[in-house]
Amino acid sequence: MTMEILVIGLNHNTAPVEIREKLSFPGELDGKAARLLTQIPGVEEAIVFSTCNRAEVLVSTVEPEAITDRIVSTIGEIHSVDPSGFRDFLYYKKGADGVAHVFRVASSLDSMVLGEAQVLGQVKEGYKKAAKANATGPVLNRLMHRAFFTAKRVRTETGIGTAAVSMAYVAVELARKILGQLSNKSVLLIGAGEMAELAARHLSAQIDRPVVVLNRTYETACALARELCGDAVPMEQMEDSLVAADVVITSTASCEPLIKKGSLKTVMRRRRFRPIFFIDIAIPRDVEPEVNDIDGVYLYNIDDLQAVADENLGERKQEALRAEKIVAEEVAKFMQWTRSLHAAPTIVALREKLEEIRRGELQRLNGKLSALDADQRESVELITRSIINKIAHDPIMFLKNTGSSSKRSVYLATAQRMFNLNGAPLESSEEKEGPDQE
C-alpha cells in the first residue's frame, strides 16, 4: 500500500471568521494536537497548521478514506465543538493534491494576500512544534523540507515576493482610505502579534506621534515599544488609551473579546464621538462585531482586508502563474519519491546481499590478505566497497524509477528473484526452461 498525504482543514476561502476562530489552535496546543492525532489508528505522522486565516491537519497514512471521519471528530474534540457545525466548511486533499496544497501554502500562493512572506514562517513553526512532539517521521519530514525548498524557489525565481502586499500593509492602506492623512494620527497597538506589529511598523513610519503599546505582560509591551520608538502603558489603562487613539490594532491571544460594545460606548462619549478605526487581526476576535453599530466606530477584521488586497492583484497573479509551474515540478518530484518507497525494502535487501558477498569474499581471502599492513587493508576495503556500489548503482536507480510504471510489482519481483533476495533456493535452468518458456 502507498503512503499518502492527507490534508483536512478550512481557510479564508471556505469559512468565515466566526467558524475559523472556533477551530484556531492556540500556539501551545499545536504540538500536543499533532501528537494526539498520531494516536488515531491509521495515522502515521501529523502536523497542525494554525494561522489567522487557516486551521489545517496534515497527516501521512495508507488509508486516507478510512481515517477521515475520525480526524474530523478529533478536531471537534480538541476544540469542544460539534463537527456538524464546521464539517461543511472543510476541504479534503490527498495524494498529489495534498502535496500541492502544502507546497502552495508554504509558497504563499494560497494566502489571503498573495505572496505574503509571513506565511512561510508560520508553516515552519507548525512543523517545528510537531517534530518536537515526535509527531512527524520520514514522510512528513521530507515533505516539509521539500515545501521549504519549493518556497525558496518561488521566492528567488519569481517576483511574487516583491510584488506582494503584506497583510500589514493592506491594513495601513485601509486606514488611510478611511481616515485620510495619517501623519497626525495616534496609533494604539493592543497585543504583540506578528501581523499587528508589522502593521504598527508600517504606521509608525507615516505618523509623527509615538505608537502606544498595551499588552497583558507589561515587560513585553515595554520591549516592543522600544523597538517601535513608542510608549508602553499597562493593560489597566486601556480605556484611557482608547480615548486618545485614532487607529487601534489588536492582535492578542484572548479567548474572549477585549473590547465590547458597552464599554466602547463610554469611550466614544469621552471622545465626543471622534472617529476611531479598529483593525482586529486576532483569531479569536478581540473586538465585538457589534461595535460597528456605534457612530464614529469603523471596525475591520482580517476578512475585511481581502477587498483591499484584491485591488492590486494584477502583477502578482502573473508571477503566481510562474510560481504554480515550480510547484507542479516539485510535486512531481515528491510523488516520484513516495512511489519509490515501494522499492525501498528491495533496495535495502540488494545492498545487504552485495555487502554480505563482499565481506564473505574478504573473509575467505583473509589468509592471503594477512600479509598486508593496515593502510593496504583499508585500500582493499575501499576498492571492494567502490566495486559493490558501482555494480548496485544501475539496478537501484532502475528500481527507484519504476514508481510510476504499471509493471512496478513485476520489476520488483524480478529483481528479488534475480538476486535471490528472499533466500529461496533457485531452480536450475534445465529444470525451469521448456517449450512454453519465453
Protein backbone atom coordinates (compact mmCIF):
# COMPACT_ATOMS: atom_id res chain seq x y z
CA MET A 1 0.00 0.00 0.00
CA THR A 2 1.13 3.52 -0.78
CA MET A 3 1.76 6.06 1.95
CA GLU A 4 -0.38 9.11 1.14
CA ILE A 5 -0.53 12.71 2.24
CA LEU A 6 -3.92 13.85 3.57
CA VAL A 7 -4.87 17.44 4.37
CA ILE A 8 -8.09 18.34 6.18
CA GLY A 9 -8.80 21.96 7.02
CA LEU A 10 -10.52 25.23 6.36
CA ASN A 11 -9.30 28.69 5.41
CA HIS A 12 -10.41 32.18 4.48
CA ASN A 13 -11.84 30.89 1.19
CA THR A 14 -14.05 28.20 2.71
CA ALA A 15 -15.05 29.50 6.12
CA PRO A 16 -15.99 32.87 7.66
CA VAL A 17 -14.01 34.22 10.59
CA GLU A 18 -16.62 33.13 13.16
CA ILE A 19 -16.01 29.49 12.14
CA ARG A 20 -12.24 29.80 11.82
CA GLU A 21 -11.87 31.28 15.28
CA LYS A 22 -13.62 28.26 16.80
CA LEU A 23 -11.02 25.92 15.29
CA SER A 24 -7.95 28.05 15.93
CA PHE A 25 -5.21 26.02 17.63
CA PRO A 26 -3.53 28.06 20.37
CA GLY A 27 0.25 28.13 19.95
CA GLU A 28 0.97 25.85 22.87
CA LEU A 29 -1.57 23.29 21.56
CA ASP A 30 -0.16 22.74 18.06
CA GLY A 31 2.40 20.09 19.02
CA LYS A 32 0.10 18.35 21.50
CA ALA A 33 -2.70 18.24 18.94
CA ALA A 34 -0.37 16.77 16.32
CA ARG A 35 0.75 14.12 18.79
CA LEU A 36 -2.87 13.34 19.69
CA LEU A 37 -3.71 12.85 16.01
CA THR A 38 -0.99 10.22 15.69
CA GLN A 39 -2.88 8.15 18.25
CA ILE A 40 -5.64 7.60 15.68
CA PRO A 41 -5.24 4.12 14.13
CA GLY A 42 -4.00 4.59 10.58
CA VAL A 43 -2.35 7.98 11.16
CA GLU A 44 1.41 7.54 10.93
CA GLU A 45 2.53 11.19 11.27
CA ALA A 46 0.78 14.52 11.80
CA ILE A 47 1.29 18.29 11.72
CA VAL A 48 -1.14 21.07 12.66
CA PHE A 49 -1.07 24.43 10.89
CA SER A 50 -2.95 27.26 12.55
CA THR A 51 -2.81 30.89 11.43
CA CYS A 52 -5.26 33.77 11.41
CA ASN A 53 -6.55 32.56 8.04
CA ARG A 54 -6.44 28.78 8.28
CA ALA A 55 -6.58 25.72 10.50
CA GLU A 56 -5.32 22.53 8.92
CA VAL A 57 -4.35 19.00 9.85
CA LEU A 58 -1.71 17.28 7.72
CA VAL A 59 -1.12 13.54 8.11
CA SER A 60 0.62 10.65 6.38
CA THR A 61 -1.44 7.46 6.09
CA VAL A 62 -2.00 4.39 3.95
CA GLU A 63 -5.78 4.58 4.38
CA PRO A 64 -6.96 8.20 3.92
CA GLU A 65 -10.63 7.36 3.38
CA ALA A 66 -10.86 5.18 6.48
CA ILE A 67 -9.45 7.78 8.90
CA THR A 68 -11.08 10.96 7.60
CA ASP A 69 -14.13 10.90 9.87
CA ARG A 70 -12.03 10.07 12.91
CA ILE A 71 -9.73 13.03 12.25
CA VAL A 72 -12.70 15.38 11.91
CA SER A 73 -14.13 14.05 15.17
CA THR A 74 -10.79 14.53 16.92
CA ILE A 75 -10.59 18.14 15.70
CA GLY A 76 -14.02 18.69 17.23
CA GLU A 77 -12.95 17.04 20.50
CA ILE A 78 -9.83 19.19 20.74
CA HIS A 79 -11.88 22.37 20.41
CA SER A 80 -15.01 21.08 22.21
CA VAL A 81 -17.04 21.82 19.08
CA ASP A 82 -19.63 19.57 17.42
CA PRO A 83 -18.24 18.59 13.98
CA SER A 84 -21.65 19.22 12.44
CA GLY A 85 -21.01 22.92 12.99
CA PHE A 86 -17.89 23.06 10.83
CA ARG A 87 -17.86 19.92 8.66
CA ASP A 88 -19.39 21.69 5.64
CA PHE A 89 -16.56 24.26 5.65
CA LEU A 90 -13.76 21.68 5.45
CA TYR A 91 -11.72 20.71 2.43
CA TYR A 92 -10.07 17.33 1.96
CA LYS A 93 -6.98 16.91 -0.20
CA LYS A 94 -4.98 13.73 -0.60
CA GLY A 95 -2.11 12.37 -2.64
CA ALA A 96 -0.66 14.77 -5.19
CA ASP A 97 -3.42 17.31 -4.45
CA GLY A 98 -2.47 17.28 -0.77
CA VAL A 99 1.22 17.72 -1.56
CA ALA A 100 0.44 20.57 -3.97
CA HIS A 101 -1.68 22.25 -1.30
CA VAL A 102 1.14 22.13 1.26
CA PHE A 103 3.65 23.49 -1.28
CA ARG A 104 1.24 26.27 -2.31
CA VAL A 105 0.62 27.27 1.31
CA ALA A 106 4.36 27.39 2.06
CA SER A 107 4.94 29.40 -1.13
CA SER A 108 2.20 31.92 -0.18
CA LEU A 109 0.07 31.01 -3.19
CA ASP A 110 -2.92 30.12 -1.01
CA SER A 111 -2.77 33.19 1.23
CA MET A 112 -5.36 35.91 1.63
CA VAL A 113 -2.71 38.29 0.33
CA LEU A 114 -0.82 36.55 -2.46
CA GLY A 115 2.90 36.28 -1.72
CA GLU A 116 2.62 37.23 1.95
CA ALA A 117 6.04 36.42 3.41
CA GLN A 118 4.84 35.71 6.98
CA VAL A 119 3.02 32.51 5.98
CA LEU A 120 6.21 30.50 5.47
CA GLY A 121 7.35 31.33 9.00
CA GLN A 122 4.02 30.16 10.39
CA VAL A 123 4.28 26.89 8.46
CA LYS A 124 7.81 26.33 9.76
CA GLU A 125 6.63 26.97 13.31
CA GLY A 126 3.84 24.39 13.00
CA TYR A 127 6.29 21.82 11.66
CA LYS A 128 8.81 22.61 14.41
CA LYS A 129 6.22 22.03 17.14
CA ALA A 130 5.03 18.77 15.60
CA ALA A 131 8.60 17.49 15.23
CA LYS A 132 9.38 18.43 18.83
CA ALA A 133 6.32 16.44 19.92
CA ASN A 134 7.63 13.43 17.94
CA ALA A 135 4.56 13.55 15.71
CA THR A 136 6.48 13.56 12.42
CA GLY A 137 8.52 10.92 10.65
CA PRO A 138 10.36 10.32 7.37
CA VAL A 139 7.44 11.11 5.06
CA LEU A 140 6.29 14.41 6.56
CA ASN A 141 9.87 15.43 7.35
CA ARG A 142 10.78 15.07 3.69
CA LEU A 143 7.52 16.72 2.60
CA MET A 144 8.14 19.80 4.73
CA HIS A 145 11.76 20.18 3.67
CA ARG A 146 10.65 19.97 0.03
CA ALA A 147 7.93 22.52 0.81
CA PHE A 148 10.54 24.92 2.19
CA PHE A 149 12.76 24.29 -0.85
CA THR A 150 9.80 24.98 -3.16
CA ALA A 151 9.01 28.21 -1.32
CA LYS A 152 12.63 29.30 -1.73
CA ARG A 153 12.50 28.57 -5.47
CA VAL A 154 9.28 30.57 -5.79
CA ARG A 155 10.83 33.49 -3.91
CA THR A 156 14.06 33.53 -5.90
CA GLU A 157 12.77 32.58 -9.36
CA THR A 158 9.67 34.78 -9.46
CA GLY A 159 8.80 38.31 -8.46
CA ILE A 160 5.89 37.27 -6.28
CA GLY A 161 7.69 38.33 -3.10
CA THR A 162 8.41 41.86 -4.30
CA ALA A 163 5.04 42.25 -5.96
CA ALA A 164 3.15 41.00 -2.93
CA VAL A 165 1.43 43.30 -0.48
CA SER A 166 1.58 42.07 3.10
CA MET A 167 -1.50 41.90 5.27
CA ALA A 168 0.06 44.56 7.46
CA TYR A 169 0.45 46.92 4.51
CA VAL A 170 -3.13 46.25 3.43
CA ALA A 171 -4.32 47.22 6.90
CA VAL A 172 -2.44 50.51 6.71
CA GLU A 173 -3.83 51.26 3.26
CA LEU A 174 -7.35 50.68 4.56
CA ALA A 175 -6.74 53.07 7.48
CA ARG A 176 -5.55 55.71 5.03
CA LYS A 177 -8.69 55.30 2.92
CA ILE A 178 -10.95 55.75 5.93
CA LEU A 179 -9.09 58.45 7.86
CA GLY A 180 -7.18 60.23 5.11
CA GLN A 181 -3.79 61.69 6.06
CA LEU A 182 -2.22 59.59 8.82
CA SER A 183 0.71 61.76 9.86
CA ASN A 184 -1.17 63.45 12.71
CA LYS A 185 -2.98 60.32 13.94
CA SER A 186 -2.41 58.43 17.18
CA VAL A 187 -1.87 54.65 16.94
CA LEU A 188 -2.62 52.16 19.71
CA LEU A 189 -1.32 48.59 19.48
CA ILE A 190 -3.04 46.06 21.76
CA GLY A 191 -1.18 42.74 21.95
CA ALA A 192 2.10 41.71 20.38
CA GLY A 193 1.01 39.51 17.47
CA GLU A 194 3.36 39.43 14.50
CA MET A 195 0.83 40.77 11.99
CA ALA A 196 -0.24 43.63 14.26
CA GLU A 197 3.37 44.50 14.98
CA LEU A 198 4.10 44.70 11.24
CA ALA A 199 1.08 46.94 10.72
CA ALA A 200 2.26 49.15 13.58
CA ARG A 201 5.70 49.39 11.98
CA HIS A 202 4.15 50.49 8.69
CA LEU A 203 2.06 53.08 10.51
CA SER A 204 4.88 54.36 12.72
CA ALA A 205 6.83 55.29 9.58
CA GLN A 206 3.97 57.54 8.48
CA ILE A 207 2.93 59.25 11.73
CA ASP A 208 4.53 61.93 13.85
CA ARG A 209 3.38 60.57 17.21
CA PRO A 210 4.87 57.57 19.06
CA VAL A 211 2.92 54.31 18.88
CA VAL A 212 1.33 53.32 22.20
CA VAL A 213 1.66 49.62 23.10
CA LEU A 214 -0.55 47.68 25.52
CA ASN A 215 -0.01 44.05 26.44
CA ARG A 216 -1.05 41.79 29.29
CA THR A 217 2.63 41.42 30.14
CA TYR A 218 3.92 44.94 30.72
CA GLU A 219 7.54 43.91 30.14
CA THR A 220 6.61 42.64 26.68
CA ALA A 221 4.86 45.92 25.94
CA CYS A 222 7.97 47.86 27.01
CA ALA A 223 10.26 45.74 24.81
CA LEU A 224 8.05 46.20 21.74
CA ALA A 225 7.58 49.90 22.45
CA ARG A 226 11.36 50.33 22.45
CA GLU A 227 11.59 48.64 19.06
CA LEU A 228 8.87 50.91 17.68
CA CYS A 229 10.24 54.02 19.41
CA GLY A 230 6.89 54.25 21.12
CA ASP A 231 5.39 54.25 24.61
CA ALA A 232 4.20 51.33 26.75
CA VAL A 233 1.24 51.53 29.10
CA PRO A 234 -0.31 48.92 31.44
CA MET A 235 -3.37 47.00 30.27
CA GLU A 236 -5.38 48.63 33.04
CA GLN A 237 -5.14 51.93 31.14
CA MET A 238 -6.82 50.54 28.01
CA GLU A 239 -9.91 52.78 28.27
CA ASP A 240 -7.85 55.97 28.56
CA SER A 241 -5.66 54.80 25.69
CA LEU A 242 -8.71 54.16 23.52
CA VAL A 243 -9.95 57.66 24.22
CA ALA A 244 -6.70 59.09 22.87
CA ALA A 245 -6.27 56.78 19.85
CA ASP A 246 -7.27 57.27 16.23
CA VAL A 247 -6.15 53.85 14.95
CA VAL A 248 -6.30 50.71 17.11
CA ILE A 249 -4.62 47.49 16.01
CA THR A 250 -5.48 44.41 18.06
CA SER A 251 -3.78 41.02 18.00
CA THR A 252 -3.95 39.25 21.36
CA ALA A 253 -4.39 35.60 22.30
CA SER A 254 -7.51 36.34 24.33
CA CYS A 255 -10.31 33.77 24.07
CA GLU A 256 -12.93 36.48 24.66
CA PRO A 257 -13.36 39.94 23.08
CA LEU A 258 -11.41 42.60 24.97
CA ILE A 259 -13.36 45.49 23.51
CA LYS A 260 -17.12 45.24 23.83
CA LYS A 261 -19.95 47.41 22.65
CA GLY A 262 -20.98 48.54 26.13
CA SER A 263 -17.55 49.70 27.24
CA LEU A 264 -16.79 51.30 23.87
CA LYS A 265 -19.93 53.44 24.13
CA THR A 266 -18.39 55.00 27.24
CA VAL A 267 -15.13 55.55 25.36
CA MET A 268 -16.92 57.21 22.43
CA ARG A 269 -18.80 59.57 24.73
CA ARG A 270 -15.49 60.63 26.26
CA ARG A 271 -14.10 61.08 22.73
CA ARG A 272 -17.18 63.13 21.78
CA PHE A 273 -17.68 60.56 19.03
CA ARG A 274 -14.46 61.46 17.23
CA PRO A 275 -13.90 58.68 14.61
CA ILE A 276 -11.84 55.68 15.65
CA PHE A 277 -10.56 52.97 13.33
CA PHE A 278 -10.12 49.36 14.55
CA ILE A 279 -8.02 46.74 12.76
CA ASP A 280 -8.77 43.45 14.51
CA ILE A 281 -6.26 40.86 13.27
CA ALA A 282 -6.81 38.47 16.17
CA ILE A 283 -8.34 35.00 15.92
CA PRO A 284 -10.49 34.69 18.03
CA ARG A 285 -11.52 38.32 17.55
CA ASP A 286 -10.56 40.96 20.10
CA VAL A 287 -13.37 43.38 19.21
CA GLU A 288 -17.06 42.57 19.32
CA PRO A 289 -18.60 42.92 15.84
CA GLU A 290 -21.49 44.89 17.38
CA VAL A 291 -19.25 47.92 17.98
CA ASN A 292 -19.81 48.76 14.31
CA ASP A 293 -23.27 49.95 15.35
CA ILE A 294 -21.74 52.85 17.29
CA ASP A 295 -21.46 56.18 15.48
CA GLY A 296 -17.88 57.04 14.60
CA VAL A 297 -16.55 53.48 15.01
CA TYR A 298 -15.01 51.74 11.99
CA LEU A 299 -14.16 48.08 12.60
CA TYR A 300 -12.35 45.85 10.13
CA ASN A 301 -11.21 42.27 10.71
CA ILE A 302 -8.93 40.12 8.61
CA ASP A 303 -11.75 39.09 6.27
CA ASP A 304 -12.49 42.74 5.51
CA LEU A 305 -8.88 43.26 4.43
CA GLN A 306 -9.45 40.91 1.48
CA ALA A 307 -11.29 43.59 -0.50
CA VAL A 308 -8.30 45.93 -0.33
CA ALA A 309 -5.89 43.13 -1.22
CA ASP A 310 -7.90 42.29 -4.34
CA GLU A 311 -7.35 45.76 -5.80
CA ASN A 312 -3.67 45.15 -6.53
CA LEU A 313 -3.50 41.55 -7.71
CA GLY A 314 -2.70 42.02 -11.40
CA GLU A 315 1.09 41.86 -11.31
CA ARG A 316 1.17 39.31 -8.53
CA LYS A 317 -1.14 36.97 -10.44
CA GLN A 318 1.25 36.96 -13.38
CA GLU A 319 4.10 35.97 -11.07
CA ALA A 320 1.83 33.39 -9.45
CA LEU A 321 1.47 31.58 -12.78
CA ARG A 322 5.23 31.08 -12.88
CA ALA A 323 5.17 30.02 -9.25
CA GLU A 324 2.49 27.41 -9.94
CA LYS A 325 4.75 25.77 -12.55
CA ILE A 326 7.51 25.50 -9.96
CA VAL A 327 5.07 23.92 -7.50
CA ALA A 328 3.94 21.41 -10.15
CA GLU A 329 7.56 20.42 -10.83
CA GLU A 330 8.29 19.90 -7.15
CA VAL A 331 5.06 17.96 -6.56
CA ALA A 332 6.01 15.56 -9.37
CA LYS A 333 9.43 15.01 -7.79
CA PHE A 334 7.94 14.33 -4.37
CA MET A 335 5.34 11.93 -5.74
CA GLN A 336 8.12 10.07 -7.56
CA TRP A 337 9.90 9.73 -4.23
CA THR A 338 6.79 8.39 -2.48
CA ARG A 339 6.33 5.80 -5.21
CA SER A 340 9.96 4.80 -4.85
CA LEU A 341 9.21 3.85 -1.23
CA HIS A 342 7.73 0.61 -2.62
CA ALA A 343 11.19 -0.29 -3.84
CA ALA A 344 12.94 0.59 -0.58
CA PRO A 345 12.82 -2.89 1.02
CA THR A 346 14.11 -4.47 -2.19
CA ILE A 347 16.88 -1.88 -2.49
CA VAL A 348 17.91 -2.38 1.13
CA ALA A 349 17.92 -6.15 0.64
CA LEU A 350 20.04 -5.80 -2.51
CA ARG A 351 22.59 -3.63 -0.74
CA GLU A 352 22.75 -6.05 2.17
CA LYS A 353 23.13 -9.03 -0.18
CA LEU A 354 26.02 -7.42 -2.06
CA GLU A 355 27.68 -6.31 1.18
CA GLU A 356 27.32 -9.85 2.53
CA ILE A 357 29.06 -11.20 -0.59
CA ARG A 358 31.82 -8.60 -0.28
CA ARG A 359 32.52 -9.39 3.34
CA GLY A 360 32.34 -13.12 2.70
CA GLU A 361 34.92 -12.94 -0.03
CA LEU A 362 37.27 -10.83 2.08
CA GLN A 363 36.90 -13.27 4.93
CA ARG A 364 37.60 -16.20 2.60
CA LEU A 365 40.78 -14.46 1.41
CA ASN A 366 41.76 -13.39 4.90
CA GLY A 367 44.81 -15.65 4.93
CA LYS A 368 46.17 -14.19 1.71
CA LEU A 369 45.44 -10.65 2.94
CA SER A 370 47.10 -11.15 6.30
CA ALA A 371 50.45 -10.03 4.94
CA LEU A 372 49.02 -6.57 4.14
CA ASP A 373 49.59 -3.69 6.52
CA ALA A 374 46.74 -1.55 7.89
CA ASP A 375 46.83 1.02 5.06
CA GLN A 376 46.82 -1.67 2.42
CA ARG A 377 43.90 -3.49 4.04
CA GLU A 378 42.00 -0.17 4.17
CA SER A 379 42.69 0.26 0.44
CA VAL A 380 41.24 -3.18 -0.24
CA GLU A 381 38.15 -2.25 1.79
CA LEU A 382 37.69 0.97 -0.19
CA ILE A 383 38.20 -0.73 -3.55
CA THR A 384 35.73 -3.54 -2.83
CA ARG A 385 33.12 -1.11 -1.49
CA SER A 386 33.52 1.02 -4.62
CA ILE A 387 33.06 -2.02 -6.86
CA ILE A 388 29.90 -3.05 -4.99
CA ASN A 389 28.46 0.49 -5.16
CA LYS A 390 29.06 0.70 -8.89
CA ILE A 391 27.53 -2.70 -9.52
CA ALA A 392 24.48 -1.74 -7.43
CA HIS A 393 24.03 1.76 -8.91
CA ASP A 394 22.15 0.91 -12.12
CA PRO A 395 19.79 -1.69 -10.62
CA ILE A 396 18.97 0.62 -7.72
CA MET A 397 18.28 3.61 -9.99
CA PHE A 398 16.08 1.39 -12.15
CA LEU A 399 14.08 0.23 -9.14
CA LYS A 400 13.70 3.79 -7.81
CA ASN A 401 12.39 4.97 -11.16
CA THR A 402 9.74 2.26 -11.53
CA GLY A 403 7.37 4.09 -9.18
CA SER A 404 5.08 5.36 -11.95
CA SER A 405 5.25 2.16 -14.03
CA SER A 406 2.26 -0.16 -14.25
CA LYS A 407 4.75 -3.06 -14.13
CA ARG A 408 6.29 -1.91 -10.86
CA SER A 409 5.40 -5.07 -8.95
CA VAL A 410 6.75 -7.23 -11.80
CA TYR A 411 10.06 -5.37 -11.80
CA LEU A 412 10.41 -5.68 -8.03
CA ALA A 413 9.59 -9.38 -8.09
CA THR A 414 12.07 -9.91 -10.92
CA ALA A 415 14.84 -8.08 -9.02
CA GLN A 416 14.12 -10.09 -5.88
CA ARG A 417 14.33 -13.37 -7.80
CA MET A 418 17.29 -12.31 -9.97
CA PHE A 419 19.40 -11.52 -6.90
CA ASN A 420 17.72 -14.21 -4.76
CA LEU A 421 16.79 -11.63 -2.13
CA ASN A 422 14.14 -13.77 -0.45
CA GLY A 423 16.62 -16.54 0.29
CA ALA A 424 14.71 -19.24 -1.59
CA PRO A 425 16.78 -21.86 -3.46
CA LEU A 426 16.88 -21.16 -7.18
CA GLU A 427 15.95 -23.91 -9.60
CA SER A 428 18.44 -24.80 -12.34
CA SER A 429 17.86 -23.50 -15.85
CA GLU A 430 17.42 -27.08 -17.10
CA GLU A 431 14.55 -27.60 -14.66
CA LYS A 432 12.91 -24.28 -15.48
CA GLU A 433 13.22 -23.96 -19.24
CA GLY A 434 10.75 -25.62 -21.55
CA PRO A 435 8.96 -25.11 -24.84
CA ASP A 436 6.41 -22.79 -23.26
CA GLN A 437 9.01 -20.51 -21.65
CA GLU A 438 9.61 -17.07 -23.11
